[in-house]
């Protein structure tokens, strides 16, 4: 059985030379530290804010996506996430713009930061330093400093929790259900860590299922949409594997028809349905019918449910599971998860243009 390979103690040392496993193991403690950073951040007493925009790319943007989805049922003002050089026209004076760049040198985020200031928006920087840190000091903008030394995708908690807790404080949102989150993740870590055998380890089982196949990751709109995006990014950067995402109910109005022919994908595809107990009942019904349709086409469907006492715990449970799956899939592929040579090559060439 392919998954048995993951139980070999020497495999991680042999393949994971840059020790991505340590970052994933440390996620619960990172969550605790990030909460402390968000709670202690020095913030102006801004009043009358009209909306929120989070600027970011890659791992820095996912934190904004998760906050937007998590607050979608309770926050009365619009929240947007911008992955671009320019801002929408409606972001102007009276808006809060959170510029999130782990390195502080993300050129799209720097461009949006400067445009936000020109428009008179209130701007906060979340970064380790770099150019964004320098600009925040020069411009007198609040700078929430986060710890350096991580690959940006392994620093998710430092973009998520400062953003969430800053919004909670500025807008008086009250309790964000953060108590117990780190302990919940520690319990899951014990189930997914390398010492846990494949037969008892959901992360290893899922990775084994994904090996050599094309994952299609489906969820509902809201916080789990961001979870699906996170899975796609982690599979790409850690496991160097393509995957695709889509949303219920939209995919029932178009994509399901494409499975009639499938373009040669059916034989390689595997579907992952990210599920939650609070999905609209009709979404759950659509998932059941879609799974039946796909299985009739010979496509395997894995249903993965968030676990926890509240929404934040359930969202982060699937984030943590996806990170472990991406690591184990990289090990099965024999690929060091940390290096992203194509991104490095691209940035180097782009810098010369």
Protein backbone atom coordinates (compact mmCIF):
# COMPACT_ATOMS: atom_id res chain seq x y z
CA UNK A 1 0.00 0.00 0.00
CA UNK A 2 1.43 3.38 -1.06
CA UNK A 3 0.51 5.05 2.26
CA UNK A 4 2.77 2.65 4.17
CA UNK A 5 5.72 4.59 2.77
CA UNK A 6 4.61 7.54 4.91
CA UNK A 7 5.16 5.49 8.05
CA UNK A 8 8.88 5.07 7.39
CA UNK A 9 10.70 7.19 10.01
CA UNK A 10 13.52 8.10 7.63
CA UNK A 11 11.29 9.51 4.89
CA UNK A 12 10.85 13.03 6.26
CA UNK A 13 14.58 13.48 6.91
CA UNK A 14 15.34 12.18 3.43
CA UNK A 15 12.82 14.32 1.50
CA UNK A 16 11.82 17.28 3.69
CA UNK A 17 15.31 18.74 3.79
CA UNK A 18 14.08 22.27 4.53
CA UNK A 19 11.89 21.05 7.42
CA UNK A 20 8.44 22.22 6.39
CA UNK A 21 7.18 19.65 8.89
CA UNK A 22 8.39 21.86 11.73
CA UNK A 23 6.29 24.79 10.54
CA UNK A 24 3.18 22.62 10.33
CA UNK A 25 3.86 21.08 13.73
CA UNK A 26 4.20 24.58 15.18
CA UNK A 27 0.91 25.90 13.82
CA UNK A 28 -1.00 25.74 17.15
CA UNK A 29 1.71 27.73 18.91
CA UNK A 30 1.85 30.18 16.00
CA UNK A 31 -1.89 30.71 16.42
CA UNK A 32 -1.39 31.59 20.10
CA UNK A 33 1.40 34.02 19.32
CA UNK A 34 -0.56 35.63 16.49
CA UNK A 35 -3.54 36.19 18.78
CA UNK A 36 -1.27 37.96 21.24
CA UNK A 37 0.08 40.19 18.47
CA UNK A 38 -3.43 41.10 17.35
CA UNK A 39 -4.64 41.82 20.87
CA UNK A 40 -1.64 44.00 21.78
CA UNK A 41 -1.40 45.98 18.51
CA UNK A 42 -1.43 49.77 19.01
CA UNK A 43 -4.42 51.13 17.07
CA UNK A 44 -5.77 54.63 16.46
CA UNK A 45 -9.31 55.38 17.60
CA UNK A 46 -10.71 55.69 14.09
CA UNK A 47 -14.45 56.31 13.87
CA UNK A 48 -16.97 56.20 11.06
CA UNK A 49 -15.16 53.69 8.88
CA UNK A 50 -17.22 52.69 5.84
CA UNK A 51 -15.66 49.35 4.94
CA UNK A 52 -12.54 47.19 4.92
CA UNK A 53 -10.15 46.09 2.19
CA UNK A 54 -7.31 43.66 2.76
CA UNK A 55 -4.39 43.85 0.32
CA UNK A 56 -2.29 40.75 -0.16
CA UNK A 57 -1.03 37.98 -2.39
CA UNK A 58 -0.58 34.27 -1.79
CA UNK A 59 -0.36 33.24 1.84
CA UNK A 60 -0.82 36.83 3.03
CA UNK A 61 -4.13 37.16 1.17
CA UNK A 62 -5.59 33.90 2.51
CA UNK A 63 -5.77 35.42 5.98
CA UNK A 64 -7.98 38.17 4.58
CA UNK A 65 -10.12 35.65 2.74
CA UNK A 66 -10.65 33.66 5.92
CA UNK A 67 -11.58 36.76 7.91
CA UNK A 68 -14.00 37.92 5.22
CA UNK A 69 -15.70 34.53 5.12
CA UNK A 70 -15.72 34.08 8.87
CA UNK A 71 -17.32 37.50 9.47
CA UNK A 72 -19.70 37.34 6.51
CA UNK A 73 -22.65 36.41 8.72
CA UNK A 74 -22.10 39.10 11.36
CA UNK A 75 -20.13 42.08 10.01
CA UNK A 76 -22.39 44.86 8.76
CA UNK A 77 -19.86 46.62 6.53
CA UNK A 78 -18.37 45.36 3.26
CA UNK A 79 -15.05 43.49 3.40
CA UNK A 80 -12.99 42.93 0.27
CA UNK A 81 -9.69 41.23 -0.52
CA UNK A 82 -7.62 42.72 -3.34
CA UNK A 83 -4.97 40.68 -5.15
CA UNK A 84 -3.90 43.34 -7.64
CA UNK A 85 -1.85 46.46 -8.21
CA UNK A 86 -4.89 48.75 -8.14
CA UNK A 87 -7.86 49.29 -5.83
CA UNK A 88 -11.54 49.30 -6.75
CA UNK A 89 -12.87 52.83 -7.18
CA UNK A 90 -15.13 52.52 -4.15
CA UNK A 91 -12.14 52.22 -1.79
CA UNK A 92 -11.53 55.82 -0.74
CA UNK A 93 -11.61 58.19 2.22
CA UNK A 94 -13.28 56.54 5.19
CA UNK A 95 -12.21 53.01 4.26
CA UNK A 96 -9.82 50.88 6.28
CA UNK A 97 -7.11 49.26 4.15
CA UNK A 98 -5.02 46.50 5.73
CA UNK A 99 -1.85 45.93 3.72
CA UNK A 100 -0.63 42.42 4.43
CA UNK A 101 2.73 41.29 3.06
CA UNK A 102 4.85 38.83 4.99
CA UNK A 103 8.12 39.91 3.37
CA UNK A 104 7.05 43.53 3.05
CA UNK A 105 8.25 43.52 -0.56
CA UNK A 106 5.22 42.22 -2.46
CA UNK A 107 4.98 44.64 -5.35
CA UNK A 108 1.22 44.35 -5.85
CA UNK A 109 0.57 45.08 -2.16
CA UNK A 110 3.01 48.00 -2.13
CA UNK A 111 1.24 49.51 -5.13
CA UNK A 112 -2.17 49.18 -3.45
CA UNK A 113 -0.81 50.60 -0.18
CA UNK A 114 0.41 53.75 -1.88
CA UNK A 115 -2.82 54.16 -3.83
CA UNK A 116 -4.85 53.79 -0.62
CA UNK A 117 -2.89 56.62 0.99
CA UNK A 118 -3.38 58.86 -2.05
CA UNK A 119 -7.13 58.32 -1.77
CA UNK A 120 -7.18 59.23 1.91
CA UNK A 121 -7.96 55.77 3.29
CA UNK A 122 -6.89 54.69 6.77
CA UNK A 123 -4.04 52.20 6.32
CA UNK A 124 -2.54 49.52 8.58
CA UNK A 125 0.50 47.43 7.62
CA UNK A 126 0.97 43.80 8.69
CA UNK A 127 4.48 42.68 7.81
CA UNK A 128 7.86 41.53 9.07
CA UNK A 129 9.50 44.62 7.59
CA UNK A 130 10.85 45.18 4.10
CA UNK A 131 9.70 48.12 1.98
CA UNK A 132 6.22 48.06 3.51
CA UNK A 133 7.66 48.47 7.00
CA UNK A 134 9.81 51.38 5.84
CA UNK A 135 6.82 53.08 4.23
CA UNK A 136 4.64 52.56 7.29
CA UNK A 137 7.24 54.35 9.44
CA UNK A 138 7.66 57.17 6.93
CA UNK A 139 3.92 57.64 6.44
CA UNK A 140 3.00 57.31 10.11
CA UNK A 141 0.76 54.29 9.54
CA UNK A 142 0.23 51.65 12.24
CA UNK A 143 2.62 48.74 11.67
CA UNK A 144 1.74 45.38 13.17
CA UNK A 145 5.07 43.56 13.27
CA UNK A 146 5.01 39.82 12.78
CA UNK A 147 7.92 37.38 13.26
CA UNK A 148 10.31 36.76 10.34
CA UNK A 149 11.87 33.46 9.32
CA UNK A 150 8.95 31.58 7.78
CA UNK A 151 8.03 30.77 4.21
CA UNK A 152 5.02 33.11 3.72
CA UNK A 153 2.60 30.22 3.28
CA UNK A 154 3.74 28.81 6.63
CA UNK A 155 2.90 32.08 8.40
CA UNK A 156 -0.87 32.00 7.89
CA UNK A 157 -1.77 32.69 11.52
CA UNK A 158 0.20 35.96 11.42
CA UNK A 159 -1.99 37.33 8.64
CA UNK A 160 -5.25 35.82 9.90
CA UNK A 161 -5.44 36.63 13.59
CA UNK A 162 -4.02 40.18 13.63
CA UNK A 163 -6.51 41.05 10.88
CA UNK A 164 -9.43 39.42 12.68
CA UNK A 165 -8.60 40.89 16.08
CA UNK A 166 -7.87 44.37 14.71
CA UNK A 167 -11.31 44.42 13.10
CA UNK A 168 -12.88 43.09 16.28
CA UNK A 169 -11.29 45.90 18.29
CA UNK A 170 -11.87 48.74 15.83
CA UNK A 171 -15.49 47.82 15.17
CA UNK A 172 -16.43 46.52 18.62
CA UNK A 173 -17.30 43.03 17.39
CA UNK A 174 -16.86 41.31 20.74
CA UNK A 175 -15.79 37.70 21.30
CA UNK A 176 -14.38 35.98 18.19
CA UNK A 177 -14.43 32.45 19.65
CA UNK A 178 -10.64 32.34 19.83
CA UNK A 179 -10.51 30.66 23.25
CA UNK A 180 -9.57 27.03 22.91
CA UNK A 181 -8.55 27.24 19.24
CA UNK A 182 -4.86 26.46 19.84
CA UNK A 183 -5.67 23.51 22.12
CA UNK A 184 -8.11 22.18 19.52
CA UNK A 185 -5.37 22.32 16.90
CA UNK A 186 -2.95 20.56 19.25
CA UNK A 187 -5.38 17.67 19.51
CA UNK A 188 -5.60 17.43 15.72
CA UNK A 189 -1.82 17.67 15.41
CA UNK A 190 -1.48 14.47 17.43
CA UNK A 191 -3.74 12.69 14.94
CA UNK A 192 -1.94 13.96 11.84
CA UNK A 193 1.72 14.06 12.91
CA UNK A 194 4.25 11.72 11.22
CA UNK A 195 4.33 9.30 14.18
CA UNK A 196 0.61 8.57 13.73
CA UNK A 197 0.32 5.50 11.44
CA UNK A 198 -1.49 5.72 8.13
CA UNK A 199 -4.33 3.46 9.21
CA UNK A 200 -5.21 6.00 11.95
CA UNK A 201 -4.10 9.19 10.18
CA UNK A 202 -6.66 10.97 7.99
CA UNK A 203 -4.05 13.30 6.48
CA UNK A 204 -1.91 10.39 5.30
CA UNK A 205 -4.98 8.57 3.95
CA UNK A 206 -6.09 11.59 1.93
CA UNK A 207 -2.57 12.22 0.60
CA UNK A 208 -2.38 8.60 -0.51
CA UNK A 209 -5.70 9.00 -2.34
CA UNK A 210 -4.46 12.16 -4.09
CA UNK A 211 -1.16 10.67 -5.23
CA UNK A 212 -0.94 10.70 -9.05
CA UNK A 213 -4.41 12.24 -9.42
CA UNK A 214 -6.03 15.61 -10.16
CA UNK A 215 -7.83 16.96 -7.06
CA UNK A 216 -11.02 18.98 -7.55
CA UNK A 217 -11.78 20.83 -4.32
CA UNK A 218 -15.39 21.90 -3.82
CA UNK A 219 -16.96 23.94 -1.02
CA UNK A 220 -19.74 26.43 -0.35
CA UNK A 221 -19.27 30.24 -0.39
CA UNK A 222 -18.07 31.80 2.84
CA UNK A 223 -15.19 30.76 5.09
CA UNK A 224 -14.81 27.34 3.49
CA UNK A 225 -14.31 28.94 0.09
CA UNK A 226 -11.08 30.35 1.53
CA UNK A 227 -10.20 26.91 2.93
CA UNK A 228 -10.49 25.44 -0.57
CA UNK A 229 -8.24 28.20 -1.92
CA UNK A 230 -5.74 27.43 0.83
CA UNK A 231 -5.76 23.72 -0.07
CA UNK A 232 -5.14 24.58 -3.73
CA UNK A 233 -2.21 26.84 -2.85
CA UNK A 234 -0.65 24.34 -0.44
CA UNK A 235 -0.94 21.47 -2.91
CA UNK A 236 0.72 23.68 -5.53
CA UNK A 237 3.58 25.06 -3.42
CA UNK A 238 4.29 22.14 -1.11
CA UNK A 239 3.43 19.14 -3.30
CA UNK A 240 4.06 20.85 -6.66
CA UNK A 241 0.65 19.48 -7.73
CA UNK A 242 -2.15 21.08 -9.74
CA UNK A 243 -5.67 21.18 -8.31
CA UNK A 244 -8.80 23.17 -9.01
CA UNK A 245 -11.63 24.64 -6.95
CA UNK A 246 -15.27 25.52 -7.46
CA UNK A 247 -18.31 26.40 -5.37
CA UNK A 248 -21.75 25.05 -4.67
CA UNK A 249 -24.38 25.90 -5.84
CA UNK A 250 -22.74 27.60 -8.85
CA UNK A 251 -21.08 24.45 -10.18
CA UNK A 252 -24.48 22.75 -10.43
CA UNK A 253 -25.44 25.34 -13.04
CA UNK A 254 -22.54 24.66 -15.40
CA UNK A 255 -19.53 22.52 -14.41
CA UNK A 256 -21.47 19.31 -13.76
CA UNK A 257 -22.39 19.16 -17.44
CA UNK A 258 -18.71 19.09 -18.37
CA UNK A 259 -18.39 15.70 -16.71
CA UNK A 260 -20.42 14.13 -19.54
CA UNK A 261 -17.26 14.13 -21.67
CA UNK A 262 -14.68 15.21 -19.13
CA UNK A 263 -11.88 16.01 -21.56
CA UNK A 264 -9.84 13.01 -20.40
CA UNK A 265 -9.92 14.19 -16.79
CA UNK A 266 -12.29 11.58 -15.31
CA UNK A 267 -9.66 8.88 -15.16
CA UNK A 268 -7.29 11.05 -13.13
CA UNK A 269 -9.73 13.16 -11.10
CA UNK A 270 -10.68 12.86 -7.46
CA UNK A 271 -13.18 15.20 -5.80
CA UNK A 272 -12.87 16.57 -2.30
CA UNK A 273 -16.03 18.03 -0.78
CA UNK A 274 -15.24 20.37 2.13
CA UNK A 275 -18.34 20.21 4.30
CA UNK A 276 -19.71 21.94 7.38
CA UNK A 277 -22.70 21.39 9.64
CA UNK A 278 -23.87 24.98 9.11
CA UNK A 279 -24.11 24.80 5.33
CA UNK A 280 -27.53 25.68 3.94
CA UNK A 281 -29.60 22.46 3.81
CA UNK A 282 -30.00 22.81 0.05
CA UNK A 283 -26.20 23.02 -0.33
CA UNK A 284 -25.88 19.71 1.51
CA UNK A 285 -28.56 18.20 -0.74
CA UNK A 286 -26.72 19.45 -3.80
CA UNK A 287 -23.50 17.90 -2.52
CA UNK A 288 -25.15 14.52 -2.09
CA UNK A 289 -26.64 14.55 -5.59
CA UNK A 290 -23.40 15.79 -7.15
CA UNK A 291 -21.42 13.08 -5.38
CA UNK A 292 -23.85 10.48 -6.72
CA UNK A 293 -23.45 11.89 -10.25
CA UNK A 294 -19.66 11.89 -10.06
CA UNK A 295 -19.45 8.40 -8.60
CA UNK A 296 -21.65 7.17 -11.47
CA UNK A 297 -19.01 8.65 -13.78
CA UNK A 298 -16.33 6.69 -11.96
CA UNK A 299 -14.91 9.69 -10.05
CA UNK A 300 -14.06 9.07 -6.41
CA UNK A 301 -15.50 11.58 -3.93
CA UNK A 302 -13.98 12.27 -0.50
CA UNK A 303 -16.16 14.15 1.99
CA UNK A 304 -14.10 16.06 4.54
CA UNK A 305 -15.86 17.76 7.44
CA UNK A 306 -14.55 20.49 9.70
CA UNK A 307 -14.46 19.44 13.35
CA UNK A 308 -14.80 21.65 16.40
CA UNK A 309 -17.18 23.37 18.79
CA UNK A 310 -17.55 26.54 16.72
CA UNK A 311 -17.02 27.89 13.21
CA UNK A 312 -13.46 29.12 13.78
CA UNK A 313 -12.34 25.74 15.10
CA UNK A 314 -13.99 23.92 12.20
CA UNK A 315 -12.41 26.22 9.60
CA UNK A 316 -8.94 25.88 11.09
CA UNK A 317 -9.33 22.12 11.46
CA UNK A 318 -9.61 21.81 7.68
CA UNK A 319 -6.76 24.29 7.17
CA UNK A 320 -4.52 22.18 9.40
CA UNK A 321 -5.61 18.95 7.69
CA UNK A 322 -4.85 20.44 4.26
CA UNK A 323 -1.38 21.53 5.33
CA UNK A 324 -0.56 18.00 6.49
CA UNK A 325 -2.02 16.49 3.32
CA UNK A 326 0.18 18.75 1.17
CA UNK A 327 3.26 17.71 3.16
CA UNK A 328 2.53 13.99 2.88
CA UNK A 329 1.77 14.26 -0.82
CA UNK A 330 5.12 15.98 -1.32
CA UNK A 331 6.80 13.08 0.51
CA UNK A 332 5.04 10.57 -1.74
CA UNK A 333 6.26 12.56 -4.76
CA UNK A 334 9.79 12.62 -3.32
CA UNK A 335 9.84 16.44 -3.43
CA UNK A 336 11.18 18.82 -0.78
CA UNK A 337 8.04 20.87 0.10
CA UNK A 338 9.72 24.20 0.89
CA UNK A 339 11.57 25.37 -2.26
CA UNK A 340 9.42 27.18 -4.84
CA UNK A 341 11.91 27.46 -7.67
CA UNK A 342 9.39 28.55 -10.28
CA UNK A 343 8.27 31.50 -8.14
CA UNK A 344 11.89 32.45 -7.46
CA UNK A 345 12.69 32.26 -11.20
CA UNK A 346 9.62 34.30 -12.08
CA UNK A 347 10.35 37.04 -9.53
CA UNK A 348 13.94 37.24 -10.69
CA UNK A 349 12.95 37.69 -14.32
CA UNK A 350 10.15 40.12 -13.47
CA UNK A 351 12.56 42.29 -11.49
CA UNK A 352 14.60 42.83 -14.66
CA UNK A 353 11.66 44.13 -16.70
